[in-house]
Amino acid sequence: MKTKVMVGILGAVACLGLVSQAAEKELDKEEIKSYVVNNFKEHDERDALIDFDNDEKEEHTFMEWLGF
């Protein structure tokens, strides 16, 4: 019973790999490249809704970080 399950899982993984390879070969890479270039715009960091810059530039020791 255990070997049948393992063979089934191994077969499913192998089939997924084969399907993935076949699908990748069918994609037209130049068409995808032109679509991305024409339809996606660069995002300016100044217009971002989320500010990832931390204004607090202080460095804390490890003990201060722990709360001591």
PDB file of N, CA and C in Angstrom:
ATOM      1  N   MET A   1       0.826  -1.198   0.000  1.00  0.00           N
ATOM      2  CA  MET A   1       0.000   0.000   0.000  1.00  0.00           C
ATOM      3  C   MET A   1       0.866   1.256   0.000  1.00  0.00           C
ATOM      4  N   LYS A   2       1.905   1.254   0.832  1.00  0.00           N
ATOM      5  CA  LYS A   2       2.760   2.426   0.934  1.00  0.00           C
ATOM      6  C   LYS A   2       3.534   2.664  -0.364  1.00  0.00           C
ATOM      7  N   THR A   3       3.964   1.602  -1.001  1.00  0.00           N
ATOM      8  CA  THR A   3       4.720   1.766  -2.240  1.00  0.00           C
ATOM      9  C   THR A   3       3.819   2.268  -3.375  1.00  0.00           C
ATOM     10  N   LYS A   4       2.555   1.852  -3.376  1.00  0.00           N
ATOM     11  CA  LYS A   4       1.628   2.330  -4.399  1.00  0.00           C
ATOM     12  C   LYS A   4       1.407   3.828  -4.266  1.00  0.00           C
ATOM     13  N   VAL A   5       1.312   4.295  -3.036  1.00  0.00           N
ATOM     14  CA  VAL A   5       1.116   5.725  -2.800  1.00  0.00           C
ATOM     15  C   VAL A   5       2.351   6.500  -3.250  1.00  0.00           C
ATOM     16  N   MET A   6       3.526   5.980  -2.898  1.00  0.00           N
ATOM     17  CA  MET A   6       4.764   6.651  -3.280  1.00  0.00           C
ATOM     18  C   MET A   6       4.923   6.685  -4.805  1.00  0.00           C
ATOM     19  N   VAL A   7       4.605   5.594  -5.469  1.00  0.00           N
ATOM     20  CA  VAL A   7       4.689   5.546  -6.936  1.00  0.00           C
ATOM     21  C   VAL A   7       3.689   6.522  -7.540  1.00  0.00           C
ATOM     22  N   GLY A   8       2.503   6.609  -6.962  1.00  0.00           N
ATOM     23  CA  GLY A   8       1.487   7.550  -7.451  1.00  0.00           C
ATOM     24  C   GLY A   8       1.939   8.991  -7.314  1.00  0.00           C
ATOM     25  N   ILE A   9       2.522   9.321  -6.166  1.00  0.00           N
ATOM     26  CA  ILE A   9       3.013  10.682  -5.939  1.00  0.00           C
ATOM     27  C   ILE A   9       4.158  10.992  -6.894  1.00  0.00           C
ATOM     28  N   LEU A  10       5.073  10.056  -7.042  1.00  0.00           N
ATOM     29  CA  LEU A  10       6.208  10.247  -7.942  1.00  0.00           C
ATOM     30  C   LEU A  10       5.736  10.418  -9.387  1.00  0.00           C
ATOM     31  N   GLY A  11       4.750   9.625  -9.787  1.00  0.00           N
ATOM     32  CA  GLY A  11       4.199   9.747 -11.132  1.00  0.00           C
ATOM     33  C   GLY A  11       3.516  11.091 -11.349  1.00  0.00           C
ATOM     34  N   ALA A  12       2.791  11.573 -10.329  1.00  0.00           N
ATOM     35  CA  ALA A  12       2.118  12.870 -10.448  1.00  0.00           C
ATOM     36  C   ALA A  12       3.134  13.998 -10.584  1.00  0.00           C
ATOM     37  N   VAL A  13       4.199  13.937  -9.800  1.00  0.00           N
ATOM     38  CA  VAL A  13       5.232  14.969  -9.884  1.00  0.00           C
ATOM     39  C   VAL A  13       5.917  14.939 -11.259  1.00  0.00           C
ATOM     40  N   ALA A  14       6.193  13.752 -11.759  1.00  0.00           N
ATOM     41  CA  ALA A  14       6.822  13.627 -13.071  1.00  0.00           C
ATOM     42  C   ALA A  14       5.903  14.168 -14.162  1.00  0.00           C
ATOM     43  N   CYS A  15       4.613  13.865 -14.082  1.00  0.00           N
ATOM     44  CA  CYS A  15       3.657  14.363 -15.078  1.00  0.00           C
ATOM     45  C   CYS A  15       3.552  15.883 -15.033  1.00  0.00           C
ATOM     46  N   LEU A  16       3.538  16.449 -13.836  1.00  0.00           N
ATOM     47  CA  LEU A  16       3.487  17.903 -13.725  1.00  0.00           C
ATOM     48  C   LEU A  16       4.732  18.537 -14.339  1.00  0.00           C
ATOM     49  N   GLY A  17       5.878  17.932 -14.135  1.00  0.00           N
ATOM     50  CA  GLY A  17       7.111  18.437 -14.727  1.00  0.00           C
ATOM     51  C   GLY A  17       7.070  18.395 -16.239  1.00  0.00           C
ATOM     52  N   LEU A  18       6.562  17.306 -16.788  1.00  0.00           N
ATOM     53  CA  LEU A  18       6.473  17.189 -18.250  1.00  0.00           C
ATOM     54  C   LEU A  18       5.503  18.204 -18.832  1.00  0.00           C
ATOM     55  N   VAL A  19       4.364  18.376 -18.182  1.00  0.00           N
ATOM     56  CA  VAL A  19       3.371  19.343 -18.654  1.00  0.00           C
ATOM     57  C   VAL A  19       3.950  20.757 -18.584  1.00  0.00           C
ATOM     58  N   SER A  20       4.663  21.034 -17.526  1.00  0.00           N
ATOM     59  CA  SER A  20       5.270  22.362 -17.365  1.00  0.00           C
ATOM     60  C   SER A  20       6.283  22.632 -18.468  1.00  0.00           C
ATOM     61  N   GLN A  21       7.103  21.654 -18.789  1.00  0.00           N
ATOM     62  CA  GLN A  21       8.094  21.827 -19.856  1.00  0.00           C
ATOM     63  C   GLN A  21       7.425  22.028 -21.214  1.00  0.00           C
ATOM     64  N   ALA A  22       6.378  21.278 -21.470  1.00  0.00           N
ATOM     65  CA  ALA A  22       5.672  21.407 -22.747  1.00  0.00           C
ATOM     66  C   ALA A  22       5.011  22.773 -22.860  1.00  0.00           C
ATOM     67  N   ALA A  23       4.421  23.247 -21.774  1.00  0.00           N
ATOM     68  CA  ALA A  23       3.759  24.555 -21.798  1.00  0.00           C
ATOM     69  C   ALA A  23       4.775  25.668 -21.992  1.00  0.00           C
ATOM     70  N   GLU A  24       5.935  25.537 -21.376  1.00  0.00           N
ATOM     71  CA  GLU A  24       6.965  26.566 -21.509  1.00  0.00           C
ATOM     72  C   GLU A  24       7.481  26.650 -22.937  1.00  0.00           C
ATOM     73  N   LYS A  25       7.594  25.521 -23.615  1.00  0.00           N
ATOM     74  CA  LYS A  25       8.084  25.529 -24.998  1.00  0.00           C
ATOM     75  C   LYS A  25       7.067  26.146 -25.948  1.00  0.00           C
ATOM     76  N   GLU A  26       5.791  26.087 -25.589  1.00  0.00           N
ATOM     77  CA  GLU A  26       4.745  26.620 -26.452  1.00  0.00           C
ATOM     78  C   GLU A  26       4.603  28.140 -26.340  1.00  0.00           C
ATOM     79  N   LEU A  27       5.162  28.742 -25.299  1.00  0.00           N
ATOM     80  CA  LEU A  27       5.031  30.179 -25.108  1.00  0.00           C
ATOM     81  C   LEU A  27       5.906  30.928 -26.108  1.00  0.00           C
ATOM     82  N   ASP A  28       5.365  31.998 -26.643  1.00  0.00           N
ATOM     83  CA  ASP A  28       6.117  32.857 -27.561  1.00  0.00           C
ATOM     84  C   ASP A  28       6.798  33.939 -26.724  1.00  0.00           C
ATOM     85  N   LYS A  29       8.080  33.768 -26.488  1.00  0.00           N
ATOM     86  CA  LYS A  29       8.810  34.653 -25.574  1.00  0.00           C
ATOM     87  C   LYS A  29       8.868  36.089 -26.088  1.00  0.00           C
ATOM     88  N   GLU A  30       8.988  36.273 -27.393  1.00  0.00           N
ATOM     89  CA  GLU A  30       9.027  37.635 -27.948  1.00  0.00           C
ATOM     90  C   GLU A  30       7.683  38.331 -27.766  1.00  0.00           C
ATOM     91  N   GLU A  31       6.596  37.604 -27.922  1.00  0.00           N
ATOM     92  CA  GLU A  31       5.260  38.185 -27.732  1.00  0.00           C
ATOM     93  C   GLU A  31       5.057  38.591 -26.279  1.00  0.00           C
ATOM     94  N   ILE A  32       5.506  37.762 -25.354  1.00  0.00           N
ATOM     95  CA  ILE A  32       5.395  38.076 -23.930  1.00  0.00           C
ATOM     96  C   ILE A  32       6.232  39.301 -23.600  1.00  0.00           C
ATOM     97  N   LYS A  33       7.427  39.362 -24.155  1.00  0.00           N
ATOM     98  CA  LYS A  33       8.320  40.502 -23.897  1.00  0.00           C
ATOM     99  C   LYS A  33       7.693  41.797 -24.400  1.00  0.00           C
ATOM    100  N   SER A  34       7.145  41.774 -25.608  1.00  0.00           N
ATOM    101  CA  SER A  34       6.528  42.992 -26.143  1.00  0.00           C
ATOM    102  C   SER A  34       5.283  43.374 -25.345  1.00  0.00           C
ATOM    103  N   TYR A  35       4.512  42.406 -24.876  1.00  0.00           N
ATOM    104  CA  TYR A  35       3.332  42.696 -24.061  1.00  0.00           C
ATOM    105  C   TYR A  35       3.733  43.381 -22.756  1.00  0.00           C
ATOM    106  N   VAL A  36       4.758  42.849 -22.106  1.00  0.00           N
ATOM    107  CA  VAL A  36       5.208  43.422 -20.836  1.00  0.00           C
ATOM    108  C   VAL A  36       5.741  44.832 -21.056  1.00  0.00           C
ATOM    109  N   VAL A  37       6.527  45.030 -22.088  1.00  0.00           N
ATOM    110  CA  VAL A  37       7.093  46.360 -22.357  1.00  0.00           C
ATOM    111  C   VAL A  37       5.992  47.369 -22.648  1.00  0.00           C
ATOM    112  N   ASN A  38       4.962  46.964 -23.371  1.00  0.00           N
ATOM    113  CA  ASN A  38       3.906  47.898 -23.767  1.00  0.00           C
ATOM    114  C   ASN A  38       2.864  48.134 -22.684  1.00  0.00           C
ATOM    115  N   ASN A  39       2.594  47.169 -21.827  1.00  0.00           N
ATOM    116  CA  ASN A  39       1.469  47.282 -20.903  1.00  0.00           C
ATOM    117  C   ASN A  39       1.835  47.536 -19.451  1.00  0.00           C
ATOM    118  N   PHE A  40       3.067  47.317 -19.068  1.00  0.00           N
ATOM    119  CA  PHE A  40       3.455  47.557 -17.680  1.00  0.00           C
ATOM    120  C   PHE A  40       4.311  48.813 -17.612  1.00  0.00           C
ATOM    121  N   LYS A  41       4.035  49.616 -16.604  1.00  0.00           N
ATOM    122  CA  LYS A  41       4.772  50.862 -16.439  1.00  0.00           C
ATOM    123  C   LYS A  41       5.653  50.764 -15.208  1.00  0.00           C
ATOM    124  N   GLU A  42       6.782  51.471 -15.244  1.00  0.00           N
ATOM    125  CA  GLU A  42       7.641  51.509 -14.068  1.00  0.00           C
ATOM    126  C   GLU A  42       6.955  52.315 -12.985  1.00  0.00           C
ATOM    127  N   HIS A  43       7.194  51.899 -11.763  1.00  0.00           N
ATOM    128  CA  HIS A  43       6.564  52.558 -10.624  1.00  0.00           C
ATOM    129  C   HIS A  43       7.569  53.502  -9.991  1.00  0.00           C
ATOM    130  N   ASP A  44       7.214  54.759  -9.876  1.00  0.00           N
ATOM    131  CA  ASP A  44       8.086  55.742  -9.256  1.00  0.00           C
ATOM    132  C   ASP A  44       7.968  55.621  -7.743  1.00  0.00           C
ATOM    133  N   GLU A  45       9.096  55.499  -7.079  1.00  0.00           N
ATOM    134  CA  GLU A  45       9.085  55.305  -5.629  1.00  0.00           C
ATOM    135  C   GLU A  45       8.524  56.513  -4.897  1.00  0.00           C
ATOM    136  N   ARG A  46       8.631  57.677  -5.473  1.00  0.00           N
ATOM    137  CA  ARG A  46       8.113  58.874  -4.800  1.00  0.00           C
ATOM    138  C   ARG A  46       6.586  58.868  -4.748  1.00  0.00           C
ATOM    139  N   ASP A  47       5.952  58.173  -5.676  1.00  0.00           N
ATOM    140  CA  ASP A  47       4.493  58.114  -5.708  1.00  0.00           C
ATOM    141  C   ASP A  47       3.930  56.908  -4.969  1.00  0.00           C
ATOM    142  N   ALA A  48       4.779  56.169  -4.288  1.00  0.00           N
ATOM    143  CA  ALA A  48       4.345  54.943  -3.623  1.00  0.00           C
ATOM    144  C   ALA A  48       3.413  55.261  -2.457  1.00  0.00           C
ATOM    145  N   LEU A  49       2.421  54.409  -2.269  1.00  0.00           N
ATOM    146  CA  LEU A  49       1.498  54.572  -1.148  1.00  0.00           C
ATOM    147  C   LEU A  49       2.132  54.139   0.165  1.00  0.00           C
ATOM    148  N   ILE A  50       3.094  53.247   0.097  1.00  0.00           N
ATOM    149  CA  ILE A  50       3.746  52.736   1.302  1.00  0.00           C
ATOM    150  C   ILE A  50       5.147  53.337   1.368  1.00  0.00           C
ATOM    151  N   ASP A  51       5.473  53.906   2.518  1.00  0.00           N
ATOM    152  CA  ASP A  51       6.792  54.498   2.714  1.00  0.00           C
ATOM    153  C   ASP A  51       7.675  53.468   3.401  1.00  0.00           C
ATOM    154  N   PHE A  52       8.620  52.899   2.655  1.00  0.00           N
ATOM    155  CA  PHE A  52       9.498  51.882   3.206  1.00  0.00           C
ATOM    156  C   PHE A  52      10.721  52.481   3.880  1.00  0.00           C
ATOM    157  N   ASP A  53      10.904  53.779   3.753  1.00  0.00           N
ATOM    158  CA  ASP A  53      12.062  54.440   4.345  1.00  0.00           C
ATOM    159  C   ASP A  53      11.802  54.672   5.825  1.00  0.00           C
ATOM    160  N   ASN A  54      12.721  54.240   6.634  1.00  0.00           N
ATOM    161  CA  ASN A  54      12.598  54.415   8.068  1.00  0.00           C
ATOM    162  C   ASN A  54      13.343  55.683   8.451  1.00  0.00           C
ATOM    163  N   ASP A  55      12.615  56.697   8.941  1.00  0.00           N
ATOM    164  CA  ASP A  55      13.231  57.967   9.294  1.00  0.00           C
ATOM    165  C   ASP A  55      14.113  57.840  10.525  1.00  0.00           C
ATOM    166  N   GLU A  56      13.838  56.847  11.337  1.00  0.00           N
ATOM    167  CA  GLU A  56      14.619  56.660  12.553  1.00  0.00           C
ATOM    168  C   GLU A  56      15.877  55.868  12.196  1.00  0.00           C
ATOM    169  N   LYS A  57      16.987  56.548  12.165  1.00  0.00           N
ATOM    170  CA  LYS A  57      18.232  55.919  11.746  1.00  0.00           C
ATOM    171  C   LYS A  57      19.102  55.498  12.937  1.00  0.00           C
ATOM    172  N   GLU A  58      18.555  55.537  14.130  1.00  0.00           N
ATOM    173  CA  GLU A  58      19.335  55.167  15.311  1.00  0.00           C
ATOM    174  C   GLU A  58      19.643  53.677  15.287  1.00  0.00           C
ATOM    175  N   GLU A  59      20.840  53.355  15.760  1.00  0.00           N
ATOM    176  CA  GLU A  59      21.203  51.953  15.874  1.00  0.00           C
ATOM    177  C   GLU A  59      21.117  51.553  17.337  1.00  0.00           C
ATOM    178  N   HIS A  60      20.566  50.417  17.584  1.00  0.00           N
ATOM    179  CA  HIS A  60      20.420  49.918  18.941  1.00  0.00           C
ATOM    180  C   HIS A  60      21.286  48.679  19.115  1.00  0.00           C
ATOM    181  N   THR A  61      21.757  48.522  20.323  1.00  0.00           N
ATOM    182  CA  THR A  61      22.514  47.316  20.604  1.00  0.00           C
ATOM    183  C   THR A  61      21.558  46.147  20.698  1.00  0.00           C
ATOM    184  N   PHE A  62      22.099  44.955  20.689  1.00  0.00           N
ATOM    185  CA  PHE A  62      21.282  43.767  20.766  1.00  0.00           C
ATOM    186  C   PHE A  62      20.497  43.714  22.076  1.00  0.00           C
ATOM    187  N   MET A  63      21.128  44.157  23.158  1.00  0.00           N
ATOM    188  CA  MET A  63      20.444  44.149  24.466  1.00  0.00           C
ATOM    189  C   MET A  63      19.299  45.159  24.484  1.00  0.00           C
ATOM    190  N   GLU A  64      19.458  46.317  23.845  1.00  0.00           N
ATOM    191  CA  GLU A  64      18.375  47.280  23.771  1.00  0.00           C
ATOM    192  C   GLU A  64      17.239  46.739  22.912  1.00  0.00           C
ATOM    193  N   TRP A  65      17.592  46.031  21.866  1.00  0.00           N
ATOM    194  CA  TRP A  65      16.581  45.429  20.997  1.00  0.00           C
ATOM    195  C   TRP A  65      15.755  44.399  21.748  1.00  0.00           C
ATOM    196  N   LEU A  66      16.401  43.679  22.664  1.00  0.00           N
ATOM    197  CA  LEU A  66      15.697  42.695  23.479  1.00  0.00           C
ATOM    198  C   LEU A  66      14.850  43.358  24.566  1.00  0.00           C
ATOM    199  N   GLY A  67      15.126  44.613  24.871  1.00  0.00           N
ATOM    200  CA  GLY A  67      14.330  45.320  25.858  1.00  0.00           C
ATOM    201  C   GLY A  67      15.009  45.515  27.187  1.00  0.00           C
ATOM    202  N   PHE A  68      16.302  45.286  27.261  1.00  0.00           N
ATOM    203  CA  PHE A  68      17.012  45.472  28.533  1.00  0.00           C
ATOM    204  C   PHE A  68      17.677  46.816  28.569  1.00  0.00           C
TER     205      PHE A  68
END
